[in-house]
Protein backbone atom coordinates (compact mmCIF):
# COMPACT_ATOMS: atom_id res chain seq x y z
CA MET A 1 -28.54 5.26 -16.82
CA LEU A 2 -25.72 3.67 -13.62
CA GLN A 3 -27.86 3.19 -10.81
CA ALA A 4 -25.56 2.27 -7.46
CA ASP A 5 -26.23 0.10 -3.92
CA ILE A 6 -24.21 1.54 -1.13
CA ARG A 7 -23.26 -0.92 1.47
CA THR A 8 -20.16 -2.72 3.72
CA PRO A 9 -18.40 -4.97 2.26
CA GLU A 10 -19.00 -7.45 4.50
CA ALA A 11 -22.41 -6.87 2.57
CA MET A 12 -22.45 -8.18 -0.18
CA LEU A 13 -24.56 -10.07 -2.19
CA PRO A 14 -22.59 -13.71 -4.20
CA GLU A 15 -22.84 -12.16 -7.68
CA GLU A 16 -21.78 -8.49 -6.31
CA ILE A 17 -18.46 -10.46 -4.84
CA ALA A 18 -18.46 -12.76 -8.51
CA ALA A 19 -18.15 -9.47 -10.40
CA TRP A 20 -15.30 -7.65 -7.63
CA ARG A 21 -13.12 -10.58 -8.55
CA ALA A 22 -13.73 -10.61 -12.39
CA PHE A 23 -13.34 -7.27 -12.67
CA GLN A 24 -9.70 -7.26 -10.48
CA ALA A 25 -8.76 -10.57 -13.35
CA THR A 26 -8.67 -7.73 -15.89
CA ALA A 27 -5.67 -6.28 -15.56
CA PRO A 28 -2.31 -7.54 -13.78
CA ALA A 29 -2.74 -4.42 -11.71
CA PHE A 30 -6.09 -4.95 -10.24
CA ALA A 31 -4.39 -7.56 -8.70
CA SER A 32 -3.15 -6.41 -5.61
CA PRO A 33 -4.56 -7.85 -2.94
CA LEU A 34 -5.05 -4.16 -1.40
CA LEU A 35 -7.74 -4.07 -4.19
CA SER A 36 -9.11 -7.53 -2.10
CA LEU A 37 -12.92 -7.84 -0.99
CA GLU A 38 -11.05 -10.19 1.88
CA PHE A 39 -8.82 -6.24 2.49
CA ALA A 40 -11.78 -4.10 2.57
CA VAL A 41 -13.88 -7.05 5.20
CA SER A 42 -10.31 -6.51 6.92
CA VAL A 43 -10.80 -2.80 6.71
CA ALA A 44 -14.49 -2.34 7.38
CA ARG A 45 -14.28 -4.25 10.87
CA VAL A 46 -12.15 -1.45 12.25
CA ARG A 47 -13.55 1.22 11.21
CA GLU A 48 -17.73 2.68 10.84
CA ASP A 49 -16.68 4.10 7.16
CA ALA A 50 -16.16 2.18 5.19
CA ARG A 51 -18.80 1.43 2.66
CA VAL A 52 -18.44 -0.29 -1.35
CA ALA A 53 -21.11 1.45 -4.03
CA VAL A 54 -21.41 -1.51 -7.04
CA PHE A 55 -23.10 -0.12 -10.07
CA ARG A 56 -25.35 -1.57 -12.60
CA ASP A 57 -26.02 -0.91 -15.54
CA ALA A 58 -29.85 -1.62 -16.31
CA GLY A 59 -29.05 -4.56 -14.22
CA ARG A 60 -25.70 -5.61 -15.18
CA ILE A 61 -22.55 -4.81 -12.60
CA VAL A 62 -20.66 -2.66 -14.36
CA GLY A 63 -18.10 -1.53 -11.38
CA VAL A 64 -17.47 -1.63 -7.36
CA PHE A 65 -15.97 1.66 -5.32
CA ALA A 66 -14.65 0.71 -2.05
CA HIS A 67 -14.03 3.40 0.35
CA HIS A 68 -14.04 5.73 2.75
CA ARG A 69 -17.38 8.39 3.16
CA ARG A 70 -17.54 11.49 5.67
CA PRO A 71 -20.48 10.75 7.13
CA SER A 72 -23.65 12.63 6.43
CA ALA A 73 -23.16 15.18 9.55
CA PHE A 74 -20.09 16.11 7.70
CA GLY A 75 -21.07 16.72 4.21
CA GLY A 76 -21.17 12.81 3.33
CA GLY A 77 -20.49 13.30 -0.90
CA PHE A 78 -16.13 13.36 -0.24
CA ALA A 79 -14.50 10.17 -0.76
CA ARG A 80 -11.24 8.82 0.68
CA GLY A 81 -9.68 5.73 -1.38
CA LEU A 82 -10.55 2.91 1.08
CA GLY A 83 -7.72 1.36 3.90
CA GLY A 84 -4.99 4.62 3.88
CA PRO A 85 -2.33 4.45 4.82
CA TRP A 86 -2.52 0.96 4.37
CA SER A 87 -3.40 0.50 0.86
CA ASP A 88 -1.12 2.60 -1.76
CA GLU A 89 -3.44 1.51 -3.79
CA GLN A 90 -7.37 2.52 -4.56
CA ALA A 91 -9.36 2.06 -7.94
CA LEU A 92 -12.88 1.97 -9.44
CA LEU A 93 -13.16 -1.61 -10.31
CA THR A 94 -14.51 -1.95 -13.32
CA GLY A 95 -14.65 -4.25 -16.69
CA PRO A 96 -12.33 -3.54 -19.96
CA GLU A 97 -14.76 -1.07 -20.84
CA GLY A 98 -14.88 1.34 -17.97
CA ILE A 99 -17.69 3.35 -17.05
CA ASP A 100 -18.55 7.37 -17.31
CA TRP A 101 -17.53 8.38 -13.37
CA ARG A 102 -19.13 11.03 -12.92
CA GLU A 103 -22.51 9.99 -13.71
CA ALA A 104 -20.94 6.70 -10.75
CA PHE A 105 -20.16 8.78 -8.53
CA ALA A 106 -23.68 10.97 -8.64
CA ALA A 107 -25.68 7.62 -8.42
CA ALA A 108 -23.88 6.88 -5.46
CA GLY A 109 -24.58 10.27 -3.82
CA LEU A 110 -21.00 11.17 -4.33
CA ARG A 111 -19.61 14.49 -4.73
CA ALA A 112 -15.69 14.27 -5.12
CA CYS A 113 -12.97 11.61 -4.26
CA ARG A 114 -8.82 12.37 -3.58
CA PHE A 115 -7.28 9.53 -4.75
CA THR A 116 -3.15 9.59 -3.13
CA GLY A 117 -2.63 5.74 -5.63
CA LEU A 118 -5.43 5.62 -8.14
CA VAL A 119 -5.00 1.87 -10.32
CA ASP A 120 -6.61 3.10 -13.61
CA PRO A 121 -5.59 0.44 -15.99
CA HIS A 122 -8.60 1.71 -17.98
CA GLY A 123 -8.41 4.16 -17.67
CA VAL A 124 -11.35 6.15 -16.26
CA PHE A 125 -10.53 8.97 -15.19
CA ASP A 126 -8.51 9.97 -18.01
CA GLY A 127 -7.97 13.84 -18.16
CA ALA A 128 -8.89 14.30 -14.57
CA VAL A 129 -6.46 13.63 -12.36
CA GLN A 130 -2.44 13.85 -12.46
CA ASP A 131 -0.19 11.01 -13.25
CA GLY A 132 1.80 10.07 -9.38
CA GLU A 133 4.82 7.88 -9.37
CA GLY A 134 5.02 4.34 -10.73
CA SER A 135 4.74 0.98 -8.32
CA TYR A 136 7.47 -1.16 -8.78
CA ALA A 137 6.34 -5.38 -9.08
CA ILE A 138 8.33 -7.93 -9.71
CA ALA A 139 6.53 -11.13 -11.67
CA PHE A 140 7.87 -14.28 -11.19
CA GLU A 141 8.97 -16.71 -14.78
CA GLY A 142 10.26 -19.64 -12.47
CA SER A 143 12.67 -19.78 -9.12
CA GLY A 144 13.48 -17.50 -7.63
CA GLU A 145 16.86 -17.41 -8.16
CA ALA A 146 16.66 -17.52 -11.62
CA TYR A 147 15.21 -14.07 -11.57
CA LEU A 148 18.08 -13.08 -9.19
CA GLU A 149 20.55 -14.29 -11.65
CA ARG A 150 19.02 -12.01 -14.75
CA LEU A 151 19.36 -9.01 -12.64
CA ARG A 152 22.52 -10.42 -11.74
CA ALA A 153 24.17 -10.01 -15.61
CA ALA A 154 22.36 -6.82 -16.11
CA SER A 155 23.81 -4.92 -12.92
CA ALA A 156 27.32 -7.32 -11.87
CA LYS A 157 28.31 -4.20 -9.87
CA ARG A 158 25.37 -3.96 -8.28
CA PHE A 159 25.12 -7.29 -6.65
CA LYS A 160 28.22 -8.06 -5.83
CA ASN A 161 28.18 -5.28 -3.71
CA LEU A 162 24.81 -6.66 -2.31
CA ARG A 163 25.81 -9.89 -2.44
CA ARG A 164 29.48 -8.58 0.11
CA LEU A 165 26.82 -6.74 3.05
CA GLU A 166 25.37 -9.20 2.39
CA SER A 167 28.78 -11.52 3.73
CA LYS A 168 29.86 -9.58 5.96
CA LEU A 169 26.41 -9.72 8.04
CA GLU A 170 27.22 -13.34 8.29
CA ARG A 171 29.67 -13.25 8.96
CA GLU A 172 30.46 -10.72 11.87
CA VAL A 173 26.81 -11.41 13.28
CA GLY A 174 26.47 -15.02 12.59
CA PRO A 175 24.38 -17.08 9.44
CA VAL A 176 22.10 -15.36 7.61
CA THR A 177 18.40 -17.01 7.86
CA LEU A 178 15.39 -15.89 6.37
CA THR A 179 11.64 -17.00 7.81
CA ALA A 180 8.79 -16.74 5.25
CA PRO A 181 6.23 -16.87 7.13
CA ASP A 182 6.50 -15.86 10.10
CA THR A 183 4.00 -16.95 12.35
CA ASP A 184 5.90 -15.05 15.68
CA PRO A 185 4.32 -12.63 17.29
CA GLU A 186 7.11 -11.00 19.22
CA ALA A 187 8.62 -10.53 15.46
CA LEU A 188 5.28 -9.24 14.10
CA ALA A 189 5.84 -6.19 17.46
CA LEU A 190 9.48 -6.26 17.10
CA LEU A 191 9.06 -5.03 13.46
CA LEU A 192 6.06 -2.27 14.01
CA GLU A 193 8.13 -1.05 17.29
CA TRP A 194 11.16 -0.49 14.75
CA LYS A 195 8.78 1.82 12.80
CA ARG A 196 6.99 3.83 14.76
CA ASP A 197 10.30 4.65 16.32
CA GLN A 198 11.65 5.30 12.76
CA PHE A 199 8.00 7.46 12.16
CA LYS A 200 9.56 9.29 15.16
CA ARG A 201 13.24 9.77 13.82
CA THR A 202 11.83 10.90 10.52
CA GLY A 203 8.65 13.05 11.75
CA VAL A 204 6.89 10.83 9.99
CA HIS A 205 2.83 10.76 11.51
CA ASP A 206 2.85 8.02 12.97
CA VAL A 207 -0.01 6.00 11.16
CA LEU A 208 0.39 2.86 13.59
CA HIS A 209 -1.13 6.20 16.19
CA PRO A 210 -4.50 4.82 16.37
CA GLU A 211 -5.98 1.74 18.03
CA TRP A 212 -7.66 0.94 14.78
CA SER A 213 -4.56 0.97 12.38
CA ARG A 214 -3.16 -1.69 14.76
CA ARG A 215 -6.11 -4.08 14.76
CA LEU A 216 -5.88 -4.19 11.48
CA VAL A 217 -2.29 -5.19 10.86
CA GLN A 218 -3.18 -8.06 14.22
CA ASP A 219 -5.98 -9.12 12.76
CA ALA A 220 -4.54 -10.01 8.42
CA PHE A 221 -1.20 -11.13 10.81
CA GLU A 222 -4.14 -13.54 12.92
CA GLY A 223 -5.36 -14.30 9.58
CA ARG A 224 -9.47 -13.90 10.63
CA PRO A 225 -11.63 -15.96 8.79
CA GLY A 226 -13.47 -13.78 5.68
CA GLY A 227 -10.18 -11.45 6.20
CA ALA A 228 -6.91 -10.59 5.01
CA THR A 229 -4.15 -12.37 5.23
CA GLY A 230 -1.00 -11.42 6.63
CA LEU A 231 2.14 -12.06 5.36
CA LEU A 232 5.08 -11.75 8.00
CA VAL A 233 9.08 -12.42 6.35
CA THR A 234 12.01 -11.77 8.38
CA LEU A 235 15.80 -11.88 8.43
CA ARG A 236 17.85 -13.30 11.32
CA ALA A 237 21.22 -12.97 11.76
CA GLY A 238 22.82 -15.67 13.99
CA GLY A 239 19.28 -16.30 15.24
CA LYS A 240 18.33 -11.63 15.93
CA VAL A 241 15.88 -10.77 13.28
CA VAL A 242 17.06 -8.23 11.92
CA ALA A 243 15.01 -6.97 9.32
CA GLY A 244 11.52 -7.46 8.19
CA HIS A 245 8.44 -6.77 5.81
CA TYR A 246 4.97 -7.42 6.46
CA GLY A 247 1.74 -6.53 4.50
CA VAL A 248 -1.22 -8.38 3.01
CA ARG A 249 -1.56 -11.85 -0.36
CA SER A 250 -4.41 -12.27 -2.04
CA GLY A 251 -3.31 -15.73 -3.49
CA SER A 252 -0.18 -15.68 -5.95
CA VAL A 253 0.62 -12.16 -5.23
CA TYR A 254 2.17 -9.83 -2.67
CA HIS A 255 1.80 -7.16 -0.96
CA PRO A 256 4.42 -5.63 1.68
CA GLN A 257 2.54 -2.99 3.55
CA ILE A 258 5.08 -2.69 6.71
CA ALA A 259 8.93 -2.16 5.94
CA ALA A 260 11.69 -1.68 9.45
CA PHE A 261 15.04 -3.33 10.85
CA ASP A 262 17.14 -2.34 13.33
CA PRO A 263 19.05 0.09 14.04
CA ALA A 264 21.72 -1.24 15.18
CA PHE A 265 21.94 -3.16 12.49
CA SER A 266 22.14 -0.08 9.45
CA VAL A 267 25.32 -0.71 7.96
CA TYR A 268 24.71 -3.54 7.35
CA SER A 269 22.08 -2.57 4.34
CA PRO A 270 19.85 -5.94 6.54
CA GLY A 271 17.21 -4.19 4.28
CA MET A 272 18.04 -4.92 0.79
CA THR A 273 20.00 -8.33 2.64
CA LEU A 274 16.23 -9.06 2.69
CA ILE A 275 15.04 -7.97 -0.01
CA LEU A 276 17.72 -10.49 -1.45
CA CYS A 277 16.11 -13.27 0.42
CA ALA A 278 12.92 -12.56 0.34
CA ILE A 279 13.24 -12.98 -3.95
CA ARG A 280 14.59 -16.66 -3.21
CA ALA A 281 11.90 -17.74 -1.41
CA MET A 282 8.68 -15.61 -3.05
CA PRO A 283 7.59 -18.86 -5.87
CA GLY A 284 7.90 -20.74 -2.76
CA LEU A 285 5.18 -19.56 -0.58
CA GLY A 286 2.99 -19.88 -4.86
CA ILE A 287 3.52 -15.82 -5.34
CA GLU A 288 3.67 -15.34 -8.53
CA ARG A 289 3.37 -10.91 -8.27
CA TYR A 290 5.76 -9.32 -5.02
CA GLU A 291 3.82 -5.92 -5.17
CA LEU A 292 7.11 -3.47 -4.26
CA SER A 293 5.17 -0.20 -3.86
CA GLY A 294 6.06 3.24 -5.15
CA GLY A 295 8.64 5.43 -3.76
CA CYS A 296 12.38 5.03 -3.94
CA GLY A 297 12.41 3.96 -7.49
CA HIS A 298 16.03 4.72 -7.12
CA TYR A 299 16.84 1.05 -5.42
CA LYS A 300 13.07 -0.66 -6.37
CA ALA A 301 13.61 -0.76 -10.10
CA ALA A 302 16.73 -2.20 -10.20
CA PHE A 303 14.63 -5.18 -8.41
CA ALA A 304 11.68 -5.09 -10.27
CA SER A 305 10.73 -6.33 -13.67
CA GLU A 306 7.29 -3.95 -14.27
CA GLU A 307 5.84 -1.03 -13.26
CA THR A 308 1.91 0.03 -13.13
CA PRO A 309 1.00 3.54 -13.73
CA LEU A 310 -0.89 5.89 -10.68
CA ARG A 311 -2.42 8.56 -10.10
CA GLU A 312 -3.42 11.20 -7.39
CA GLY A 313 -5.06 14.03 -6.63
CA LEU A 314 -9.08 14.98 -6.51
CA VAL A 315 -11.75 13.69 -8.54
CA ASP A 316 -14.70 16.59 -8.37
CA ARG A 317 -17.74 16.27 -10.30
CA GLY A 318 -18.97 19.57 -9.21
CA ARG A 319 -16.04 20.95 -12.43
CA ALA A 320 -17.74 22.32 -15.33
CA ARG A 321 -15.01 19.67 -16.96
CA ASP A 322 -12.72 16.53 -16.37
CA VAL A 323 -9.35 18.18 -15.12
CA ALA A 324 -6.04 17.73 -12.88
CA GLU A 325 -5.38 19.94 -10.05
CA PRO A 326 -2.57 22.62 -11.18
CA ARG A 327 0.63 21.38 -9.57
CA ARG A 328 1.71 23.33 -6.14
CA PRO A 329 5.01 23.78 -5.39
CA LEU A 330 6.83 21.64 -3.40
CA ILE A 331 6.44 22.63 -0.13
CA LEU A 332 3.16 22.98 -0.42
CA GLU A 333 2.83 19.15 -2.11
CA ARG A 334 4.49 18.44 0.93
CA ALA A 335 2.17 19.57 3.72
CA ARG A 336 -0.57 18.31 2.22
CA ARG A 337 0.72 15.13 1.99
CA ARG A 338 1.27 15.36 5.76
CA LEU A 339 -2.80 16.74 5.85
CA ASP A 340 -3.82 13.95 4.43
CA ARG A 341 -2.14 11.01 6.11
CA ILE A 342 -3.62 12.73 9.12
CA VAL A 343 -6.96 13.04 8.16
CA GLU A 344 -6.98 9.47 6.83
CA THR A 345 -5.29 7.94 9.57
CA GLU A 346 -6.87 9.84 12.73
CA LEU A 347 -10.09 9.66 12.47
CA THR A 348 -11.21 12.03 15.94
CA LEU A 349 -10.99 15.59 16.57
CA SER A 350 -8.35 14.97 18.72
CA GLY A 351 -6.12 12.81 16.82
CA ARG A 352 -6.40 15.18 14.20
CA LEU A 353 -5.95 18.80 16.02
CA ALA A 354 -2.63 16.77 18.01
CA GLY A 355 -0.87 15.20 14.41
CA VAL A 356 -1.23 19.18 13.44
CA ALA A 357 0.27 19.92 15.65
CA GLY A 358 2.64 17.20 16.43
CA ALA A 359 3.67 17.91 12.36
CA LEU A 360 4.32 21.28 12.84
CA HIS A 361 6.99 20.50 16.03
CA ASP A 362 8.59 18.03 13.40
CA LEU A 363 9.42 20.16 10.40
CA PRO A 364 12.61 21.03 11.33
CA ARG A 365 13.33 16.96 11.63
CA ARG A 366 10.90 16.30 8.03
CA ALA A 367 12.72 19.30 6.07
CA ALA A 368 16.01 17.22 7.72
CA SER A 369 15.52 13.61 6.46
CA ARG A 370 16.41 12.27 3.48
CA ILE A 371 15.44 8.28 1.81
CA ASP A 372 18.14 5.70 3.55
CA PRO A 373 18.57 3.00 0.53
CA ARG A 374 20.66 1.16 3.71
CA ALA A 375 17.40 1.00 5.11
CA GLY A 376 15.05 -0.56 2.27
CA VAL A 377 12.39 1.64 3.39
CA ARG A 378 10.52 5.07 1.86
CA GLN A 379 11.28 7.16 5.42
CA GLU A 380 8.57 9.51 4.69
CA GLU A 381 6.17 7.20 3.18
CA ASN A 382 6.21 3.43 3.78
C-alpha cells in the first residue's frame, strides 16, 4: 500500500532528492529542467501553494509528484502541475515499473489534477488522459554546425530561404551575432517588454502580469542559489538586440520559456535566424538537448530530431474507471484553455475576474490572431 509524505520542495530530504534525480534519469523526457528539483524550488520561493508528494511502498521511494495544491478552504483535493504557465510539461516521476496513480492520489489526499502537458513515458496515466500535442527537441551528436548540415541536406530549399533572410538582416542592419549566455538585465527587460506587447496585440492573457511570475523569471536569471538556472540567448544585428530566447537549463538540457522579437524587424524573420544561430552555439555551451516545446509544428518539426508525446486533461479518481475527458468543440476547448491559463496565472480573485473580463474583451482579436511563422513563436501560447 502506498504512503505519501507532502512537503515543500525546499524541505526535501537527501534520499528523496536522490530518488527524484534517479527517476529523471529513467527517460530522456524526464530530464527537462521543468521537471527538476531546482525549478520546483524556484517556484516554491514565489508561490506558497507548491508541494511535492513523495510516495513510498514498504519504505521504498517509488514516485515523486510536484504540484500546486488548492487550499483546504476551497476543497484541497484538486491539483495542477507545478509551474504553470511557466512549465510546458508536468509529470509524476517514477521508475519504469510505474505506480497506480489512483492509489498515489488517494495517499496524497488528492482527488483530481488538471494536466496541460503531461510527460508520461512509463504509462502511469494510460487511459485516463487524452494524447495532446507533442513536444519537440534537438538532441545533439557532434557540433551544432554538423547538425544544421544534416538539416540542410534534408531540406535544401527551406534552409536556402533562411540563409537569405539572415543575409538580408546582416546586409541592411549590420553584423549578426549571438550572445549566449547574455547576462545583460536590459536585454532581458527588452525581451519581456516585447512579449507583453505580443500578449496585448494578440489578445492572449499576460502571464507576466502577476508579481510572482516576474519574480520567477528574475530569480532564475540572477541565478539564485538552489533554484533554477536561467539562460538568456539573444540575437543582435548591428549591435542592437532584435530577438531572444529565455528559459531554464538543468545540466546539459535547455528549455526556453519565452521567445520574442522586436516587431520593428519582423520583415527579417529574426526568430528563425535566432534558432539557426542558437543551434550552432548550443553544443559549445554544454547543451546536449535543446527543447523546443510544443506548438508551431510547421517550423519546430523541421528543426527537431525527436518528438516527445504529451498528454492532457483532467484525471479524477472519483471516476469509476480510467477514462479520458471527451473532446469538446474547438470553440469550447479554446475557452477552457483560456480560463485554465487565467486560473493558473492569477492567484487572487481580483486578478482572475480581471482576466476573465479581459478574455471577453479580447475575443475579436483572438478570433483574428494566427500563428506568425516569421516570429518563431506561437502567438497564443509562448
